[in-house]
PDB file of all heavy atoms in Angstrom:
ATOM      1  N   ASP A   1     -14.770  -9.064  -3.858  1.00  0.00           N
ATOM      2  CA  ASP A   1     -14.172  -7.958  -4.609  1.00  0.00           C
ATOM      3  C   ASP A   1     -13.389  -7.038  -3.700  1.00  0.00           C
ATOM      4  O   ASP A   1     -12.310  -6.568  -4.035  1.00  0.00           O
ATOM      5  CB  ASP A   1     -15.256  -7.142  -5.324  1.00  0.00           C
ATOM      6  CG  ASP A   1     -15.823  -7.888  -6.518  1.00  0.00           C
ATOM      7  OD1 ASP A   1     -15.157  -8.824  -6.984  1.00  0.00           O
ATOM      8  OD2 ASP A   1     -16.911  -7.538  -6.964  1.00  0.00           O
ATOM      9  N   LYS A   2     -13.920  -6.764  -2.509  1.00  0.00           N
ATOM     10  CA  LYS A   2     -13.229  -5.869  -1.581  1.00  0.00           C
ATOM     11  C   LYS A   2     -11.895  -6.446  -1.151  1.00  0.00           C
ATOM     12  O   LYS A   2     -10.931  -5.727  -0.972  1.00  0.00           O
ATOM     13  CB  LYS A   2     -14.114  -5.598  -0.355  1.00  0.00           C
ATOM     14  CG  LYS A   2     -15.307  -4.703  -0.662  1.00  0.00           C
ATOM     15  CD  LYS A   2     -16.145  -4.453   0.565  1.00  0.00           C
ATOM     16  CE  LYS A   2     -17.334  -3.557   0.243  1.00  0.00           C
ATOM     17  NZ  LYS A   2     -18.201  -3.325   1.406  1.00  0.00           N
ATOM     18  N   VAL A   3     -11.884  -7.772  -0.994  1.00  0.00           N
ATOM     19  CA  VAL A   3     -10.617  -8.393  -0.621  1.00  0.00           C
ATOM     20  C   VAL A   3      -9.595  -8.212  -1.732  1.00  0.00           C
ATOM     21  O   VAL A   3      -8.432  -7.913  -1.496  1.00  0.00           O
ATOM     22  CB  VAL A   3     -10.823  -9.899  -0.318  1.00  0.00           C
ATOM     23  CG1 VAL A   3      -9.490 -10.594  -0.135  1.00  0.00           C
ATOM     24  CG2 VAL A   3     -11.683 -10.083   0.915  1.00  0.00           C
ATOM     25  N   ILE A   4     -10.037  -8.364  -2.984  1.00  0.00           N
ATOM     26  CA  ILE A   4      -9.130  -8.218  -4.113  1.00  0.00           C
ATOM     27  C   ILE A   4      -8.601  -6.794  -4.196  1.00  0.00           C
ATOM     28  O   ILE A   4      -7.458  -6.560  -4.560  1.00  0.00           O
ATOM     29  CB  ILE A   4      -9.865  -8.605  -5.422  1.00  0.00           C
ATOM     30  CG1 ILE A   4     -10.199 -10.096  -5.419  1.00  0.00           C
ATOM     31  CG2 ILE A   4      -9.030  -8.240  -6.643  1.00  0.00           C
ATOM     32  CD1 ILE A   4     -11.056 -10.529  -6.566  1.00  0.00           C
ATOM     33  N   GLU A   5      -9.427  -5.817  -3.839  1.00  0.00           N
ATOM     34  CA  GLU A   5      -9.083  -4.425  -4.043  1.00  0.00           C
ATOM     35  C   GLU A   5      -8.368  -3.789  -2.851  1.00  0.00           C
ATOM     36  O   GLU A   5      -8.411  -2.586  -2.677  1.00  0.00           O
ATOM     37  CB  GLU A   5     -10.355  -3.636  -4.367  1.00  0.00           C
ATOM     38  CG  GLU A   5     -10.980  -4.022  -5.694  1.00  0.00           C
ATOM     39  CD  GLU A   5     -12.364  -3.459  -5.867  1.00  0.00           C
ATOM     40  OE1 GLU A   5     -12.861  -2.810  -4.932  1.00  0.00           O
ATOM     41  OE2 GLU A   5     -12.955  -3.692  -6.928  1.00  0.00           O
ATOM     42  N   GLN A   6      -7.704  -4.575  -2.045  1.00  0.00           N
ATOM     43  CA  GLN A   6      -7.060  -4.030  -0.866  1.00  0.00           C
ATOM     44  C   GLN A   6      -5.740  -3.323  -1.166  1.00  0.00           C
ATOM     45  O   GLN A   6      -5.155  -2.720  -0.298  1.00  0.00           O
ATOM     46  CB  GLN A   6      -6.830  -5.125   0.172  1.00  0.00           C
ATOM     47  CG  GLN A   6      -8.121  -5.586   0.844  1.00  0.00           C
ATOM     48  CD  GLN A   6      -8.899  -4.446   1.444  1.00  0.00           C
ATOM     49  OE1 GLN A   6      -8.459  -3.806   2.387  1.00  0.00           O
ATOM     50  NE2 GLN A   6     -10.070  -4.159   0.906  1.00  0.00           N
ATOM     51  N   VAL A   7      -5.259  -3.418  -2.391  1.00  0.00           N
ATOM     52  CA  VAL A   7      -4.067  -2.662  -2.784  1.00  0.00           C
ATOM     53  C   VAL A   7      -4.536  -1.414  -3.526  1.00  0.00           C
ATOM     54  O   VAL A   7      -5.181  -1.497  -4.560  1.00  0.00           O
ATOM     55  CB  VAL A   7      -3.133  -3.488  -3.684  1.00  0.00           C
ATOM     56  CG1 VAL A   7      -1.974  -2.632  -4.165  1.00  0.00           C
ATOM     57  CG2 VAL A   7      -2.619  -4.701  -2.930  1.00  0.00           C
ATOM     58  N   ILE A   8      -4.204  -0.231  -2.982  1.00  0.00           N
ATOM     59  CA  ILE A   8      -4.656   1.033  -3.563  1.00  0.00           C
ATOM     60  C   ILE A   8      -3.444   1.769  -4.116  1.00  0.00           C
ATOM     61  O   ILE A   8      -2.501   2.059  -3.387  1.00  0.00           O
ATOM     62  CB  ILE A   8      -5.366   1.905  -2.510  1.00  0.00           C
ATOM     63  CG1 ILE A   8      -6.502   1.111  -1.833  1.00  0.00           C
ATOM     64  CG2 ILE A   8      -5.909   3.175  -3.155  1.00  0.00           C
ATOM     65  CD1 ILE A   8      -7.121   1.833  -0.662  1.00  0.00           C
ATOM     66  N   GLN A   9      -3.481   2.049  -5.418  1.00  0.00           N
ATOM     67  CA  GLN A   9      -2.363   2.709  -6.095  1.00  0.00           C
ATOM     68  C   GLN A   9      -2.756   4.134  -6.469  1.00  0.00           C
ATOM     69  O   GLN A   9      -3.781   4.361  -7.111  1.00  0.00           O
ATOM     70  CB  GLN A   9      -1.991   1.938  -7.365  1.00  0.00           C
ATOM     71  CG  GLN A   9      -0.803   2.513  -8.109  1.00  0.00           C
ATOM     72  CD  GLN A   9       0.521   1.986  -7.579  1.00  0.00           C
ATOM     73  OE1 GLN A   9       0.606   0.834  -7.174  1.00  0.00           O
ATOM     74  NE2 GLN A   9       1.536   2.822  -7.589  1.00  0.00           N
ATOM     75  N   ILE A  10      -1.951   5.117  -6.056  1.00  0.00           N
ATOM     76  CA  ILE A  10      -2.155   6.510  -6.436  1.00  0.00           C
ATOM     77  C   ILE A  10      -0.798   7.061  -6.858  1.00  0.00           C
ATOM     78  O   ILE A  10       0.117   7.171  -6.033  1.00  0.00           O
ATOM     79  CB  ILE A  10      -2.743   7.346  -5.283  1.00  0.00           C
ATOM     80  CG1 ILE A  10      -4.122   6.806  -4.869  1.00  0.00           C
ATOM     81  CG2 ILE A  10      -2.849   8.814  -5.690  1.00  0.00           C
ATOM     82  CD1 ILE A  10      -4.736   7.521  -3.691  1.00  0.00           C
ATOM     83  N   ASP A  11      -0.691   7.408  -8.138  1.00  0.00           N
ATOM     84  CA  ASP A  11       0.588   7.866  -8.672  1.00  0.00           C
ATOM     85  C   ASP A  11       1.676   6.831  -8.345  1.00  0.00           C
ATOM     86  O   ASP A  11       1.517   5.657  -8.623  1.00  0.00           O
ATOM     87  CB  ASP A  11       0.949   9.252  -8.129  1.00  0.00           C
ATOM     88  CG  ASP A  11      -0.097  10.300  -8.518  1.00  0.00           C
ATOM     89  OD1 ASP A  11      -0.683  10.158  -9.595  1.00  0.00           O
ATOM     90  OD2 ASP A  11      -0.314  11.233  -7.740  1.00  0.00           O
ATOM     91  N   HIS A  12       2.759   7.259  -7.693  1.00  0.00           N
ATOM     92  CA  HIS A  12       3.849   6.352  -7.340  1.00  0.00           C
ATOM     93  C   HIS A  12       3.701   5.786  -5.928  1.00  0.00           C
ATOM     94  O   HIS A  12       4.634   5.186  -5.401  1.00  0.00           O
ATOM     95  CB  HIS A  12       5.201   7.064  -7.457  1.00  0.00           C
ATOM     96  CG  HIS A  12       5.537   7.492  -8.844  1.00  0.00           C
ATOM     97  ND1 HIS A  12       5.071   6.825  -9.962  1.00  0.00           N
ATOM     98  CD2 HIS A  12       6.292   8.515  -9.315  1.00  0.00           C
ATOM     99  CE1 HIS A  12       5.523   7.417 -11.045  1.00  0.00           C
ATOM    100  NE2 HIS A  12       6.256   8.454 -10.690  1.00  0.00           N
ATOM    101  N   LEU A  13       2.531   5.990  -5.342  1.00  0.00           N
ATOM    102  CA  LEU A  13       2.289   5.510  -3.981  1.00  0.00           C
ATOM    103  C   LEU A  13       1.388   4.290  -4.011  1.00  0.00           C
ATOM    104  O   LEU A  13       0.431   4.223  -4.775  1.00  0.00           O
ATOM    105  CB  LEU A  13       1.640   6.605  -3.136  1.00  0.00           C
ATOM    106  CG  LEU A  13       2.360   7.952  -3.066  1.00  0.00           C
ATOM    107  CD1 LEU A  13       1.559   8.931  -2.214  1.00  0.00           C
ATOM    108  CD2 LEU A  13       3.758   7.783  -2.497  1.00  0.00           C
ATOM    109  N   GLN A  14       1.687   3.323  -3.148  1.00  0.00           N
ATOM    110  CA  GLN A  14       0.872   2.108  -3.082  1.00  0.00           C
ATOM    111  C   GLN A  14       0.634   1.734  -1.623  1.00  0.00           C
ATOM    112  O   GLN A  14       1.575   1.604  -0.840  1.00  0.00           O
ATOM    113  CB  GLN A  14       1.571   0.953  -3.797  1.00  0.00           C
ATOM    114  CG  GLN A  14       0.732  -0.320  -3.848  1.00  0.00           C
ATOM    115  CD  GLN A  14       1.500  -1.470  -4.465  1.00  0.00           C
ATOM    116  OE1 GLN A  14       2.060  -2.305  -3.766  1.00  0.00           O
ATOM    117  NE2 GLN A  14       1.547  -1.507  -5.790  1.00  0.00           N
ATOM    118  N   LEU A  15      -0.628   1.586  -1.276  1.00  0.00           N
ATOM    119  CA  LEU A  15      -0.990   1.206   0.090  1.00  0.00           C
ATOM    120  C   LEU A  15      -1.628  -0.170   0.076  1.00  0.00           C
ATOM    121  O   LEU A  15      -2.602  -0.398  -0.640  1.00  0.00           O
ATOM    122  CB  LEU A  15      -1.944   2.239   0.696  1.00  0.00           C
ATOM    123  CG  LEU A  15      -2.342   2.001   2.158  1.00  0.00           C
ATOM    124  CD1 LEU A  15      -2.330   3.318   2.939  1.00  0.00           C
ATOM    125  CD2 LEU A  15      -3.733   1.390   2.252  1.00  0.00           C
ATOM    126  N   ASN A  16      -1.049  -1.112   0.834  1.00  0.00           N
ATOM    127  CA  ASN A  16      -1.578  -2.465   0.935  1.00  0.00           C
ATOM    128  C   ASN A  16      -2.244  -2.617   2.289  1.00  0.00           C
ATOM    129  O   ASN A  16      -1.577  -2.672   3.325  1.00  0.00           O
ATOM    130  CB  ASN A  16      -0.453  -3.494   0.776  1.00  0.00           C
ATOM    131  CG  ASN A  16      -0.999  -4.890   0.587  1.00  0.00           C
ATOM    132  OD1 ASN A  16      -1.821  -5.345   1.373  1.00  0.00           O
ATOM    133  ND2 ASN A  16      -0.548  -5.575  -0.444  1.00  0.00           N
ATOM    134  N   VAL A  17      -3.572  -2.654   2.271  1.00  0.00           N
ATOM    135  CA  VAL A  17      -4.337  -2.665   3.513  1.00  0.00           C
ATOM    136  C   VAL A  17      -4.118  -3.954   4.294  1.00  0.00           C
ATOM    137  O   VAL A  17      -4.008  -3.941   5.519  1.00  0.00           O
ATOM    138  CB  VAL A  17      -5.839  -2.456   3.216  1.00  0.00           C
ATOM    139  CG1 VAL A  17      -6.662  -2.542   4.501  1.00  0.00           C
ATOM    140  CG2 VAL A  17      -6.062  -1.114   2.535  1.00  0.00           C
ATOM    141  N   ASP A  18      -4.058  -5.091   3.591  1.00  0.00           N
ATOM    142  CA  ASP A  18      -3.955  -6.379   4.276  1.00  0.00           C
ATOM    143  C   ASP A  18      -2.636  -6.534   5.022  1.00  0.00           C
ATOM    144  O   ASP A  18      -2.610  -6.887   6.197  1.00  0.00           O
ATOM    145  CB  ASP A  18      -4.114  -7.535   3.275  1.00  0.00           C
ATOM    146  CG  ASP A  18      -5.515  -7.583   2.706  1.00  0.00           C
ATOM    147  OD1 ASP A  18      -6.455  -7.249   3.442  1.00  0.00           O
ATOM    148  OD2 ASP A  18      -5.672  -7.931   1.524  1.00  0.00           O
ATOM    149  N   SER A  19      -1.533  -6.264   4.337  1.00  0.00           N
ATOM    150  CA  SER A  19      -0.216  -6.447   4.961  1.00  0.00           C
ATOM    151  C   SER A  19       0.252  -5.195   5.692  1.00  0.00           C
ATOM    152  O   SER A  19       1.302  -5.208   6.334  1.00  0.00           O
ATOM    153  CB  SER A  19       0.821  -6.834   3.900  1.00  0.00           C
ATOM    154  OG  SER A  19       0.947  -5.804   2.928  1.00  0.00           O
ATOM    155  N   ARG A  20      -0.535  -4.103   5.581  1.00  0.00           N
ATOM    156  CA  ARG A  20      -0.218  -2.833   6.236  1.00  0.00           C
ATOM    157  C   ARG A  20       1.171  -2.342   5.819  1.00  0.00           C
ATOM    158  O   ARG A  20       1.976  -1.915   6.644  1.00  0.00           O
ATOM    159  CB  ARG A  20      -0.341  -2.952   7.757  1.00  0.00           C
ATOM    160  CG  ARG A  20      -1.676  -3.498   8.214  1.00  0.00           C
ATOM    161  CD  ARG A  20      -1.915  -3.349   9.688  1.00  0.00           C
ATOM    162  NE  ARG A  20      -2.291  -1.998  10.047  1.00  0.00           N
ATOM    163  CZ  ARG A  20      -3.502  -1.470   9.834  1.00  0.00           C
ATOM    164  NH1 ARG A  20      -4.436  -2.174   9.240  1.00  0.00           N
ATOM    165  NH2 ARG A  20      -3.769  -0.244  10.209  1.00  0.00           N
ATOM    166  N   VAL A  21       1.402  -2.406   4.506  1.00  0.00           N
ATOM    167  CA  VAL A  21       2.669  -1.961   3.935  1.00  0.00           C
ATOM    168  C   VAL A  21       2.394  -0.773   3.016  1.00  0.00           C
ATOM    169  O   VAL A  21       1.427  -0.768   2.249  1.00  0.00           O
ATOM    170  CB  VAL A  21       3.352  -3.094   3.136  1.00  0.00           C
ATOM    171  CG1 VAL A  21       4.519  -2.565   2.328  1.00  0.00           C
ATOM    172  CG2 VAL A  21       3.818  -4.191   4.084  1.00  0.00           C
ATOM    173  N   PHE A  22       3.256   0.236   3.088  1.00  0.00           N
ATOM    174  CA  PHE A  22       3.134   1.410   2.236  1.00  0.00           C
ATOM    175  C   PHE A  22       4.403   1.538   1.398  1.00  0.00           C
ATOM    176  O   PHE A  22       5.516   1.475   1.931  1.00  0.00           O
ATOM    177  CB  PHE A  22       2.930   2.669   3.084  1.00  0.00           C
ATOM    178  CG  PHE A  22       2.645   3.901   2.270  1.00  0.00           C
ATOM    179  CD1 PHE A  22       1.367   4.150   1.796  1.00  0.00           C
ATOM    180  CD2 PHE A  22       3.648   4.805   1.969  1.00  0.00           C
ATOM    181  CE1 PHE A  22       1.089   5.276   1.039  1.00  0.00           C
ATOM    182  CE2 PHE A  22       3.386   5.934   1.208  1.00  0.00           C
ATOM    183  CZ  PHE A  22       2.096   6.171   0.750  1.00  0.00           C
ATOM    184  N   LEU A  23       4.228   1.707   0.076  1.00  0.00           N
ATOM    185  CA  LEU A  23       5.366   1.765  -0.839  1.00  0.00           C
ATOM    186  C   LEU A  23       5.413   3.099  -1.567  1.00  0.00           C
ATOM    187  O   LEU A  23       4.368   3.628  -1.980  1.00  0.00           O
ATOM    188  CB  LEU A  23       5.286   0.640  -1.879  1.00  0.00           C
ATOM    189  CG  LEU A  23       5.204  -0.801  -1.361  1.00  0.00           C
ATOM    190  CD1 LEU A  23       5.044  -1.763  -2.529  1.00  0.00           C
ATOM    191  CD2 LEU A  23       6.432  -1.155  -0.551  1.00  0.00           C
ATOM    192  N   TYR A  24       6.625   3.634  -1.734  1.00  0.00           N
ATOM    193  CA  TYR A  24       6.858   4.809  -2.572  1.00  0.00           C
ATOM    194  C   TYR A  24       7.847   4.389  -3.656  1.00  0.00           C
ATOM    195  O   TYR A  24       8.967   3.989  -3.357  1.00  0.00           O
ATOM    196  CB  TYR A  24       7.425   5.963  -1.746  1.00  0.00           C
ATOM    197  CG  TYR A  24       7.573   7.250  -2.529  1.00  0.00           C
ATOM    198  CD1 TYR A  24       6.620   8.244  -2.457  1.00  0.00           C
ATOM    199  CD2 TYR A  24       8.677   7.454  -3.363  1.00  0.00           C
ATOM    200  CE1 TYR A  24       6.758   9.423  -3.179  1.00  0.00           C
ATOM    201  CE2 TYR A  24       8.817   8.624  -4.090  1.00  0.00           C
ATOM    202  CZ  TYR A  24       7.854   9.608  -3.996  1.00  0.00           C
ATOM    203  OH  TYR A  24       7.988  10.769  -4.732  1.00  0.00           O
ATOM    204  N   ASN A  25       7.404   4.456  -4.915  1.00  0.00           N
ATOM    205  CA  ASN A  25       8.241   3.965  -6.027  1.00  0.00           C
ATOM    206  C   ASN A  25       8.731   2.546  -5.756  1.00  0.00           C
ATOM    207  O   ASN A  25       9.903   2.218  -5.955  1.00  0.00           O
ATOM    208  CB  ASN A  25       9.434   4.892  -6.269  1.00  0.00           C
ATOM    209  CG  ASN A  25       9.047   6.140  -7.042  1.00  0.00           C
ATOM    210  OD1 ASN A  25       8.069   6.136  -7.789  1.00  0.00           O
ATOM    211  ND2 ASN A  25       9.797   7.207  -6.858  1.00  0.00           N
ATOM    212  N   ASN A  26       7.822   1.712  -5.256  1.00  0.00           N
ATOM    213  CA  ASN A  26       8.076   0.296  -4.978  1.00  0.00           C
ATOM    214  C   ASN A  26       9.051   0.057  -3.823  1.00  0.00           C
ATOM    215  O   ASN A  26       9.501  -1.073  -3.616  1.00  0.00           O
ATOM    216  CB  ASN A  26       8.588  -0.432  -6.224  1.00  0.00           C
ATOM    217  CG  ASN A  26       7.544  -0.480  -7.323  1.00  0.00           C
ATOM    218  OD1 ASN A  26       6.363  -0.696  -7.045  1.00  0.00           O
ATOM    219  ND2 ASN A  26       7.960  -0.280  -8.553  1.00  0.00           N
ATOM    220  N   GLU A  27       9.369   1.095  -3.083  1.00  0.00           N
ATOM    221  CA  GLU A  27      10.216   0.933  -1.902  1.00  0.00           C
ATOM    222  C   GLU A  27       9.377   1.175  -0.646  1.00  0.00           C
ATOM    223  O   GLU A  27       8.623   2.146  -0.568  1.00  0.00           O
ATOM    224  CB  GLU A  27      11.389   1.910  -1.942  1.00  0.00           C
ATOM    225  CG  GLU A  27      12.387   1.615  -3.048  1.00  0.00           C
ATOM    226  CD  GLU A  27      13.628   2.493  -2.956  1.00  0.00           C
ATOM    227  OE1 GLU A  27      13.763   3.231  -1.953  1.00  0.00           O
ATOM    228  OE2 GLU A  27      14.462   2.439  -3.886  1.00  0.00           O
ATOM    229  N   GLU A  28       9.531   0.289   0.325  1.00  0.00           N
ATOM    230  CA  GLU A  28       8.715   0.372   1.537  1.00  0.00           C
ATOM    231  C   GLU A  28       9.080   1.598   2.369  1.00  0.00           C
ATOM    232  O   GLU A  28      10.247   1.909   2.576  1.00  0.00           O
ATOM    233  CB  GLU A  28       8.878  -0.898   2.376  1.00  0.00           C
ATOM    234  CG  GLU A  28       7.950  -0.948   3.580  1.00  0.00           C
ATOM    235  CD  GLU A  28       7.976  -2.288   4.281  1.00  0.00           C
ATOM    236  OE1 GLU A  28       8.475  -3.262   3.674  1.00  0.00           O
ATOM    237  OE2 GLU A  28       7.502  -2.360   5.430  1.00  0.00           O
ATOM    238  N   VAL A  29       8.042   2.288   2.841  1.00  0.00           N
ATOM    239  CA  VAL A  29       8.205   3.457   3.704  1.00  0.00           C
ATOM    240  C   VAL A  29       7.880   3.038   5.136  1.00  0.00           C
ATOM    241  O   VAL A  29       6.841   2.434   5.399  1.00  0.00           O
ATOM    242  CB  VAL A  29       7.270   4.603   3.267  1.00  0.00           C
ATOM    243  CG1 VAL A  29       7.404   5.799   4.216  1.00  0.00           C
ATOM    244  CG2 VAL A  29       7.568   5.014   1.834  1.00  0.00           C
ATOM    245  N   ASP A  30       8.774   3.372   6.037  1.00  0.00           N
ATOM    246  CA  ASP A  30       8.586   3.013   7.448  1.00  0.00           C
ATOM    247  C   ASP A  30       7.563   3.947   8.076  1.00  0.00           C
ATOM    248  O   ASP A  30       7.764   5.163   8.132  1.00  0.00           O
ATOM    249  CB  ASP A  30       9.923   3.104   8.191  1.00  0.00           C
ATOM    250  CG  ASP A  30       9.807   2.595   9.618  1.00  0.00           C
ATOM    251  OD1 ASP A  30       8.928   1.755   9.877  1.00  0.00           O
ATOM    252  OD2 ASP A  30      10.577   3.053  10.479  1.00  0.00           O
ATOM    253  N   LEU A  31       6.438   3.393   8.533  1.00  0.00           N
ATOM    254  CA  LEU A  31       5.368   4.182   9.129  1.00  0.00           C
ATOM    255  C   LEU A  31       5.015   3.655  10.508  1.00  0.00           C
ATOM    256  O   LEU A  31       5.056   2.444  10.747  1.00  0.00           O
ATOM    257  CB  LEU A  31       4.106   4.135   8.259  1.00  0.00           C
ATOM    258  CG  LEU A  31       4.179   4.712   6.847  1.00  0.00           C
ATOM    259  CD1 LEU A  31       2.902   4.392   6.093  1.00  0.00           C
ATOM    260  CD2 LEU A  31       4.412   6.214   6.885  1.00  0.00           C
ATOM    261  N   THR A  32       4.649   4.578  11.402  1.00  0.00           N
ATOM    262  CA  THR A  32       4.108   4.154  12.691  1.00  0.00           C
ATOM    263  C   THR A  32       2.665   3.705  12.481  1.00  0.00           C
ATOM    264  O   THR A  32       2.073   3.915  11.405  1.00  0.00           O
ATOM    265  CB  THR A  32       4.130   5.310  13.708  1.00  0.00           C
ATOM    266  OG1 THR A  32       3.219   6.325  13.263  1.00  0.00           O
ATOM    267  CG2 THR A  32       5.528   5.891  13.852  1.00  0.00           C
ATOM    268  N   LYS A  33       2.073   3.116  13.506  1.00  0.00           N
ATOM    269  CA  LYS A  33       0.686   2.656  13.413  1.00  0.00           C
ATOM    270  C   LYS A  33      -0.246   3.809  13.050  1.00  0.00           C
ATOM    271  O   LYS A  33      -1.088   3.692  12.155  1.00  0.00           O
ATOM    272  CB  LYS A  33       0.248   2.028  14.737  1.00  0.00           C
ATOM    273  CG  LYS A  33      -1.223   1.640  14.772  1.00  0.00           C
ATOM    274  CD  LYS A  33      -1.635   1.175  16.158  1.00  0.00           C
ATOM    275  CE  LYS A  33      -3.139   0.934  16.232  1.00  0.00           C
ATOM    276  NZ  LYS A  33      -3.572   0.551  17.604  1.00  0.00           N
TER     277      LYS A  33
END
């Protein structure tokens, strides 16, 4: 279940823990480590 739930959605923000990608309105935001 934890593996399935690695994508966390809050409002228009989405954090993908596995791929370490962060999206704002479905557009990737460039983040440092």
